[in-house]
Amino acid sequence: MTPIKTFYKNQAESIIKKLNMRKMDGYYCNNVEEARAKLVELLGQGKKSVAYGGSMTLDENGFKDAVTAAGHELVIRENYKTPEEVKECNAKQINADAFLMSTNAITLDGELVNIDGRGNRVSFLIYGPDSVIIVAGMNKVVTNVEDGIRRVRNQATPPNCNRLNCNTPCAVTGKCGDCYTDSICCQFVVTRMSRVPGRIKVILVGETLGY
């Protein structure tokens, strides 16, 4: 095992202990392949309805494909276009057996830090689906909540704004401009603990994933 992999493993084990204290379950996987297998394992037996939030971690690393390959029903939100269809999709998402997402940051003390635009992703993290499964590369680890917010605003949001063609200062400068126009930094959510023990499950992956 390389020194960085050893570091990731040791750091993840410390974070997982903190997650457990916060009534969240934590797991460490050495690579994406192990993480995909862990995701399928956590979904369990029987066909499940599975929704997801916007995430380059999920999109770029085959996690959604792994869900469908395991025989589960994926709620493909991009297929819902009209306002009526979007309402239908929202109803399916909030009632899903599982919701998949990444997290914008996770602190060494086991707190999740997320910044969202419309808030659909963080709303399903907070309430609704029976199970929330988070996949996060170890590049998302920060010292504390304040560092997490800085990370999101200056490292995650600028490339996301470029991806979404948002007309924001950070899309041009690569640095948060604390803007009010076309901003996707509308909802700031810190998950301190899970009210329902074990509802939130965090898969930490010893690789750089997503933004």
C-alpha atoms as a PDB file:
ATOM      1  CA  MET A   1       0.000   0.000   0.000  1.00  0.00           C
ATOM      2  CA  THR A   2       1.381   3.399  -0.972  1.00  0.00           C
ATOM      3  CA  PRO A   3       1.912   6.100   1.684  1.00  0.00           C
ATOM      4  CA  ILE A   4      -1.048   8.139   0.404  1.00  0.00           C
ATOM      5  CA  LYS A   5      -3.315   5.077   0.454  1.00  0.00           C
ATOM      6  CA  THR A   6      -2.207   4.334   4.018  1.00  0.00           C
ATOM      7  CA  PHE A   7      -2.939   7.943   4.953  1.00  0.00           C
ATOM      8  CA  TYR A   8      -6.388   7.797   3.351  1.00  0.00           C
ATOM      9  CA  LYS A   9      -7.226   4.544   5.147  1.00  0.00           C
ATOM     10  CA  ASN A  10      -6.092   5.808   8.537  1.00  0.00           C
ATOM     11  CA  GLN A  11      -7.899   9.120   8.108  1.00  0.00           C
ATOM     12  CA  ALA A  12     -11.069   7.392   6.930  1.00  0.00           C
ATOM     13  CA  GLU A  13     -11.071   5.063   9.922  1.00  0.00           C
ATOM     14  CA  SER A  14     -10.937   8.071  12.239  1.00  0.00           C
ATOM     15  CA  ILE A  15     -13.795   9.789  10.374  1.00  0.00           C
ATOM     16  CA  ILE A  16     -15.896   6.609  10.435  1.00  0.00           C
ATOM     17  CA  LYS A  17     -15.656   6.519  14.235  1.00  0.00           C
ATOM     18  CA  LYS A  18     -16.987  10.087  14.327  1.00  0.00           C
ATOM     19  CA  LEU A  19     -19.763   9.206  11.879  1.00  0.00           C
ATOM     20  CA  ASN A  20     -20.830   6.343  14.126  1.00  0.00           C
ATOM     21  CA  MET A  21     -21.031   8.739  17.057  1.00  0.00           C
ATOM     22  CA  ARG A  22     -23.342  10.862  14.901  1.00  0.00           C
ATOM     23  CA  LYS A  23     -25.574   7.831  14.159  1.00  0.00           C
ATOM     24  CA  MET A  24     -24.315   7.564  10.575  1.00  0.00           C
ATOM     25  CA  ASP A  25     -22.667   4.443   9.157  1.00  0.00           C
ATOM     26  CA  GLY A  26     -19.275   4.791   7.518  1.00  0.00           C
ATOM     27  CA  TYR A  27     -17.278   2.529   5.202  1.00  0.00           C
ATOM     28  CA  TYR A  28     -13.882   2.822   3.545  1.00  0.00           C
ATOM     29  CA  CYS A  29     -13.098   1.460   0.094  1.00  0.00           C
ATOM     30  CA  ASN A  30      -9.642   1.525  -1.409  1.00  0.00           C
ATOM     31  CA  ASN A  31     -10.875   2.297  -4.928  1.00  0.00           C
ATOM     32  CA  VAL A  32     -13.937   2.909  -7.084  1.00  0.00           C
ATOM     33  CA  GLU A  33     -14.410  -0.774  -7.914  1.00  0.00           C
ATOM     34  CA  GLU A  34     -14.692  -1.653  -4.235  1.00  0.00           C
ATOM     35  CA  ALA A  35     -17.003   1.316  -3.688  1.00  0.00           C
ATOM     36  CA  ARG A  36     -19.397   0.198  -6.443  1.00  0.00           C
ATOM     37  CA  ALA A  37     -19.581  -3.253  -4.861  1.00  0.00           C
ATOM     38  CA  LYS A  38     -20.192  -1.717  -1.425  1.00  0.00           C
ATOM     39  CA  LEU A  39     -22.998   0.439  -2.845  1.00  0.00           C
ATOM     40  CA  VAL A  40     -24.760  -2.616  -4.279  1.00  0.00           C
ATOM     41  CA  GLU A  41     -24.258  -4.458  -0.980  1.00  0.00           C
ATOM     42  CA  LEU A  42     -25.809  -1.586   0.992  1.00  0.00           C
ATOM     43  CA  LEU A  43     -28.849  -1.521  -1.292  1.00  0.00           C
ATOM     44  CA  GLY A  44     -29.510  -5.076  -0.183  1.00  0.00           C
ATOM     45  CA  GLN A  45     -31.690  -7.830  -1.571  1.00  0.00           C
ATOM     46  CA  GLY A  46     -34.850  -7.304  -3.600  1.00  0.00           C
ATOM     47  CA  LYS A  47     -35.614  -4.684  -6.201  1.00  0.00           C
ATOM     48  CA  LYS A  48     -35.314  -1.154  -4.815  1.00  0.00           C
ATOM     49  CA  SER A  49     -36.350   2.230  -6.173  1.00  0.00           C
ATOM     50  CA  VAL A  50     -33.240   4.402  -6.219  1.00  0.00           C
ATOM     51  CA  ALA A  51     -33.082   8.162  -6.788  1.00  0.00           C
ATOM     52  CA  TYR A  52     -29.986  10.360  -6.963  1.00  0.00           C
ATOM     53  CA  GLY A  53     -28.768  13.929  -6.660  1.00  0.00           C
ATOM     54  CA  GLY A  54     -26.536  15.761  -9.087  1.00  0.00           C
ATOM     55  CA  SER A  55     -23.006  14.421  -8.638  1.00  0.00           C
ATOM     56  CA  MET A  56     -19.974  14.149 -10.855  1.00  0.00           C
ATOM     57  CA  THR A  57     -18.709  11.428  -8.510  1.00  0.00           C
ATOM     58  CA  LEU A  58     -21.705   9.288  -9.409  1.00  0.00           C
ATOM     59  CA  ASP A  59     -21.800  10.279 -13.084  1.00  0.00           C
ATOM     60  CA  GLU A  60     -18.137   9.697 -13.881  1.00  0.00           C
ATOM     61  CA  ASN A  61     -17.504   6.451 -12.010  1.00  0.00           C
ATOM     62  CA  GLY A  62     -20.283   4.040 -12.968  1.00  0.00           C
ATOM     63  CA  PHE A  63     -22.240   4.043  -9.723  1.00  0.00           C
ATOM     64  CA  LYS A  64     -25.621   4.501 -11.392  1.00  0.00           C
ATOM     65  CA  ASP A  65     -24.810   1.772 -13.905  1.00  0.00           C
ATOM     66  CA  ALA A  66     -23.965  -0.530 -10.994  1.00  0.00           C
ATOM     67  CA  VAL A  67     -27.423   0.131  -9.516  1.00  0.00           C
ATOM     68  CA  THR A  68     -29.271  -0.839 -12.687  1.00  0.00           C
ATOM     69  CA  ALA A  69     -26.966  -3.814 -13.321  1.00  0.00           C
ATOM     70  CA  ALA A  70     -27.957  -5.125  -9.888  1.00  0.00           C
ATOM     71  CA  GLY A  71     -31.615  -5.073 -10.952  1.00  0.00           C
ATOM     72  CA  HIS A  72     -32.804  -1.979  -9.119  1.00  0.00           C
ATOM     73  CA  GLU A  73     -35.112   0.706 -10.536  1.00  0.00           C
ATOM     74  CA  LEU A  74     -33.258   3.997 -11.070  1.00  0.00           C
ATOM     75  CA  VAL A  75     -35.389   7.146 -11.064  1.00  0.00           C
ATOM     76  CA  ILE A  76     -33.751   8.956 -13.996  1.00  0.00           C
ATOM     77  CA  ARG A  77     -34.625  12.550 -13.222  1.00  0.00           C
ATOM     78  CA  GLU A  78     -33.340  13.860 -16.562  1.00  0.00           C
ATOM     79  CA  ASN A  79     -36.246  12.080 -18.267  1.00  0.00           C
ATOM     80  CA  TYR A  80     -38.793  14.326 -16.535  1.00  0.00           C
ATOM     81  CA  LYS A  81     -39.116  17.577 -18.491  1.00  0.00           C
ATOM     82  CA  THR A  82     -42.428  19.388 -17.998  1.00  0.00           C
ATOM     83  CA  PRO A  83     -43.495  20.971 -14.671  1.00  0.00           C
ATOM     84  CA  GLU A  84     -46.024  18.154 -14.191  1.00  0.00           C
ATOM     85  CA  GLU A  85     -43.370  15.507 -14.874  1.00  0.00           C
ATOM     86  CA  VAL A  86     -40.938  17.203 -12.482  1.00  0.00           C
ATOM     87  CA  LYS A  87     -43.573  17.074  -9.723  1.00  0.00           C
ATOM     88  CA  GLU A  88     -44.039  13.376 -10.468  1.00  0.00           C
ATOM     89  CA  CYS A  89     -40.283  12.856 -10.281  1.00  0.00           C
ATOM     90  CA  ASN A  90     -40.039  14.710  -6.970  1.00  0.00           C
ATOM     91  CA  ALA A  91     -42.732  12.456  -5.523  1.00  0.00           C
ATOM     92  CA  LYS A  92     -40.836   9.366  -6.680  1.00  0.00           C
ATOM     93  CA  GLN A  93     -37.595  10.692  -5.224  1.00  0.00           C
ATOM     94  CA  ILE A  94     -38.956  11.512  -1.785  1.00  0.00           C
ATOM     95  CA  ASN A  95     -40.592   8.080  -1.609  1.00  0.00           C
ATOM     96  CA  ALA A  96     -37.597   6.170  -2.979  1.00  0.00           C
ATOM     97  CA  ASP A  97     -36.118   3.278  -1.044  1.00  0.00           C
ATOM     98  CA  ALA A  98     -32.676   4.859  -1.400  1.00  0.00           C
ATOM     99  CA  PHE A  99     -31.179   8.194  -2.417  1.00  0.00           C
ATOM    100  CA  LEU A 100     -27.636   8.394  -3.810  1.00  0.00           C
ATOM    101  CA  MET A 101     -25.424  11.467  -3.673  1.00  0.00           C
ATOM    102  CA  SER A 102     -21.950  12.660  -2.892  1.00  0.00           C
ATOM    103  CA  THR A 103     -21.153  15.342  -0.352  1.00  0.00           C
ATOM    104  CA  ASN A 104     -19.416  18.622  -1.086  1.00  0.00           C
ATOM    105  CA  ALA A 105     -17.218  18.144   1.977  1.00  0.00           C
ATOM    106  CA  ILE A 106     -16.878  15.970   5.066  1.00  0.00           C
ATOM    107  CA  THR A 107     -15.064  17.116   8.171  1.00  0.00           C
ATOM    108  CA  LEU A 108     -12.556  15.157  10.205  1.00  0.00           C
ATOM    109  CA  ASP A 109     -15.200  15.213  12.931  1.00  0.00           C
ATOM    110  CA  GLY A 110     -17.771  13.478  10.696  1.00  0.00           C
ATOM    111  CA  GLU A 111     -19.999  16.394   9.710  1.00  0.00           C
ATOM    112  CA  LEU A 112     -21.342  16.655   6.150  1.00  0.00           C
ATOM    113  CA  VAL A 113     -21.178  20.025   4.405  1.00  0.00           C
ATOM    114  CA  ASN A 114     -23.334  20.658   1.341  1.00  0.00           C
ATOM    115  CA  ILE A 115     -24.241  23.723  -0.699  1.00  0.00           C
ATOM    116  CA  ASP A 116     -27.115  23.481  -3.162  1.00  0.00           C
ATOM    117  CA  GLY A 117     -29.036  25.593  -5.632  1.00  0.00           C
ATOM    118  CA  ARG A 118     -32.718  24.649  -5.645  1.00  0.00           C
ATOM    119  CA  GLY A 119     -32.207  22.435  -2.616  1.00  0.00           C
ATOM    120  CA  ASN A 120     -33.649  19.217  -4.053  1.00  0.00           C
ATOM    121  CA  ARG A 121     -30.459  17.268  -3.316  1.00  0.00           C
ATOM    122  CA  VAL A 122     -30.079  18.429   0.278  1.00  0.00           C
ATOM    123  CA  SER A 123     -33.818  18.112   0.937  1.00  0.00           C
ATOM    124  CA  PHE A 124     -33.732  14.369   0.212  1.00  0.00           C
ATOM    125  CA  LEU A 125     -30.598  14.052   2.334  1.00  0.00           C
ATOM    126  CA  ILE A 126     -32.516  15.581   5.225  1.00  0.00           C
ATOM    127  CA  TYR A 127     -35.881  13.882   4.820  1.00  0.00           C
ATOM    128  CA  GLY A 128     -37.733  11.336   2.696  1.00  0.00           C
ATOM    129  CA  PRO A 129     -36.003   8.266   1.290  1.00  0.00           C
ATOM    130  CA  ASP A 130     -35.545   5.380   3.715  1.00  0.00           C
ATOM    131  CA  SER A 131     -31.821   5.224   3.072  1.00  0.00           C
ATOM    132  CA  VAL A 132     -29.267   7.806   1.925  1.00  0.00           C
ATOM    133  CA  ILE A 133     -25.993   6.493   0.523  1.00  0.00           C
ATOM    134  CA  ILE A 134     -23.187   9.003   0.062  1.00  0.00           C
ATOM    135  CA  VAL A 135     -20.086   8.266  -2.009  1.00  0.00           C
ATOM    136  CA  ALA A 136     -17.164  10.628  -1.471  1.00  0.00           C
ATOM    137  CA  GLY A 137     -13.544  10.640  -2.507  1.00  0.00           C
ATOM    138  CA  MET A 138     -11.012  11.441   0.191  1.00  0.00           C
ATOM    139  CA  ASN A 139     -10.338  14.735  -1.600  1.00  0.00           C
ATOM    140  CA  LYS A 140     -13.575  15.952   0.023  1.00  0.00           C
ATOM    141  CA  VAL A 141     -12.133  15.748   3.570  1.00  0.00           C
ATOM    142  CA  VAL A 142     -11.694  19.079   5.373  1.00  0.00           C
ATOM    143  CA  THR A 143     -10.671  20.126   8.863  1.00  0.00           C
ATOM    144  CA  ASN A 144     -13.949  21.697   9.976  1.00  0.00           C
ATOM    145  CA  VAL A 145     -17.255  23.136   8.748  1.00  0.00           C
ATOM    146  CA  GLU A 146     -15.753  26.548   7.960  1.00  0.00           C
ATOM    147  CA  ASP A 147     -13.068  24.925   5.793  1.00  0.00           C
ATOM    148  CA  GLY A 148     -15.804  22.861   4.161  1.00  0.00           C
ATOM    149  CA  ILE A 149     -17.769  25.947   3.158  1.00  0.00           C
ATOM    150  CA  ARG A 150     -14.612  27.568   1.788  1.00  0.00           C
ATOM    151  CA  ARG A 151     -13.819  24.400  -0.138  1.00  0.00           C
ATOM    152  CA  VAL A 152     -17.249  24.260  -1.731  1.00  0.00           C
ATOM    153  CA  ARG A 153     -17.370  27.922  -2.668  1.00  0.00           C
ATOM    154  CA  ASN A 154     -13.853  28.065  -4.124  1.00  0.00           C
ATOM    155  CA  GLN A 155     -13.126  24.531  -5.387  1.00  0.00           C
ATOM    156  CA  ALA A 156     -16.424  22.786  -6.125  1.00  0.00           C
ATOM    157  CA  THR A 157     -18.752  25.591  -7.196  1.00  0.00           C
ATOM    158  CA  PRO A 158     -16.584  27.233  -9.917  1.00  0.00           C
ATOM    159  CA  PRO A 159     -16.260  24.068 -12.069  1.00  0.00           C
ATOM    160  CA  ASN A 160     -19.910  23.232 -11.427  1.00  0.00           C
ATOM    161  CA  CYS A 161     -20.904  26.695 -12.658  1.00  0.00           C
ATOM    162  CA  ASN A 162     -18.829  26.129 -15.799  1.00  0.00           C
ATOM    163  CA  ARG A 163     -20.515  22.761 -16.284  1.00  0.00           C
ATOM    164  CA  LEU A 164     -23.990  24.258 -15.832  1.00  0.00           C
ATOM    165  CA  ASN A 165     -23.218  27.396 -17.903  1.00  0.00           C
ATOM    166  CA  CYS A 166     -24.030  29.693 -14.985  1.00  0.00           C
ATOM    167  CA  ASN A 167     -23.132  33.351 -15.392  1.00  0.00           C
ATOM    168  CA  THR A 168     -21.339  33.795 -12.091  1.00  0.00           C
ATOM    169  CA  PRO A 169     -18.088  35.556 -11.147  1.00  0.00           C
ATOM    170  CA  CYS A 170     -16.528  32.274  -9.999  1.00  0.00           C
ATOM    171  CA  ALA A 171     -17.135  30.740 -13.423  1.00  0.00           C
ATOM    172  CA  VAL A 172     -14.804  33.405 -14.826  1.00  0.00           C
ATOM    173  CA  THR A 173     -12.284  33.937 -12.029  1.00  0.00           C
ATOM    174  CA  GLY A 174     -12.297  30.533 -10.337  1.00  0.00           C
ATOM    175  CA  LYS A 175     -12.851  32.288  -7.015  1.00  0.00           C
ATOM    176  CA  CYS A 176     -16.075  32.849  -5.055  1.00  0.00           C
ATOM    177  CA  GLY A 177     -17.534  36.302  -5.743  1.00  0.00           C
ATOM    178  CA  ASP A 178     -20.285  36.062  -3.110  1.00  0.00           C
ATOM    179  CA  CYS A 179     -22.740  36.748  -5.942  1.00  0.00           C
ATOM    180  CA  TYR A 180     -26.509  37.083  -6.052  1.00  0.00           C
ATOM    181  CA  THR A 181     -27.049  36.570  -9.794  1.00  0.00           C
ATOM    182  CA  ASP A 182     -27.428  33.055 -11.233  1.00  0.00           C
ATOM    183  CA  SER A 183     -25.909  31.641  -8.037  1.00  0.00           C
ATOM    184  CA  ILE A 184     -26.052  27.940  -7.247  1.00  0.00           C
ATOM    185  CA  CYS A 185     -24.921  28.612  -3.666  1.00  0.00           C
ATOM    186  CA  CYS A 186     -28.408  29.100  -2.224  1.00  0.00           C
ATOM    187  CA  GLN A 187     -28.766  26.462   0.482  1.00  0.00           C
ATOM    188  CA  PHE A 188     -26.013  25.804   3.037  1.00  0.00           C
ATOM    189  CA  VAL A 189     -26.649  22.557   4.936  1.00  0.00           C
ATOM    190  CA  VAL A 190     -24.504  21.013   7.658  1.00  0.00           C
ATOM    191  CA  THR A 191     -25.521  17.514   8.718  1.00  0.00           C
ATOM    192  CA  ARG A 192     -24.392  17.198  12.308  1.00  0.00           C
ATOM    193  CA  MET A 193     -26.003  13.806  12.890  1.00  0.00           C
ATOM    194  CA  SER A 194     -28.726  11.489  11.640  1.00  0.00           C
ATOM    195  CA  ARG A 195     -31.977  11.601  13.604  1.00  0.00           C
ATOM    196  CA  VAL A 196     -32.679   8.065  12.362  1.00  0.00           C
ATOM    197  CA  PRO A 197     -29.750   5.804  13.289  1.00  0.00           C
ATOM    198  CA  GLY A 198     -28.089   4.286  10.230  1.00  0.00           C
ATOM    199  CA  ARG A 199     -30.267   6.073   7.672  1.00  0.00           C
ATOM    200  CA  ILE A 200     -27.244   7.930   6.265  1.00  0.00           C
ATOM    201  CA  LYS A 201     -24.401   5.744   5.048  1.00  0.00           C
ATOM    202  CA  VAL A 202     -21.105   7.228   3.868  1.00  0.00           C
ATOM    203  CA  ILE A 203     -18.737   5.355   1.554  1.00  0.00           C
ATOM    204  CA  LEU A 204     -15.313   7.001   1.659  1.00  0.00           C
ATOM    205  CA  VAL A 205     -13.123   6.148  -1.323  1.00  0.00           C
ATOM    206  CA  GLY A 206      -9.328   6.350  -1.351  1.00  0.00           C
ATOM    207  CA  GLU A 207      -9.247   8.284  -4.631  1.00  0.00           C
ATOM    208  CA  THR A 208      -9.888  11.796  -5.941  1.00  0.00           C
ATOM    209  CA  LEU A 209     -13.509  11.823  -7.113  1.00  0.00           C
ATOM    210  CA  GLY A 210     -15.707  14.636  -8.386  1.00  0.00           C
ATOM    211  CA  TYR A 211     -15.261  18.291  -7.527  1.00  0.00           C
END
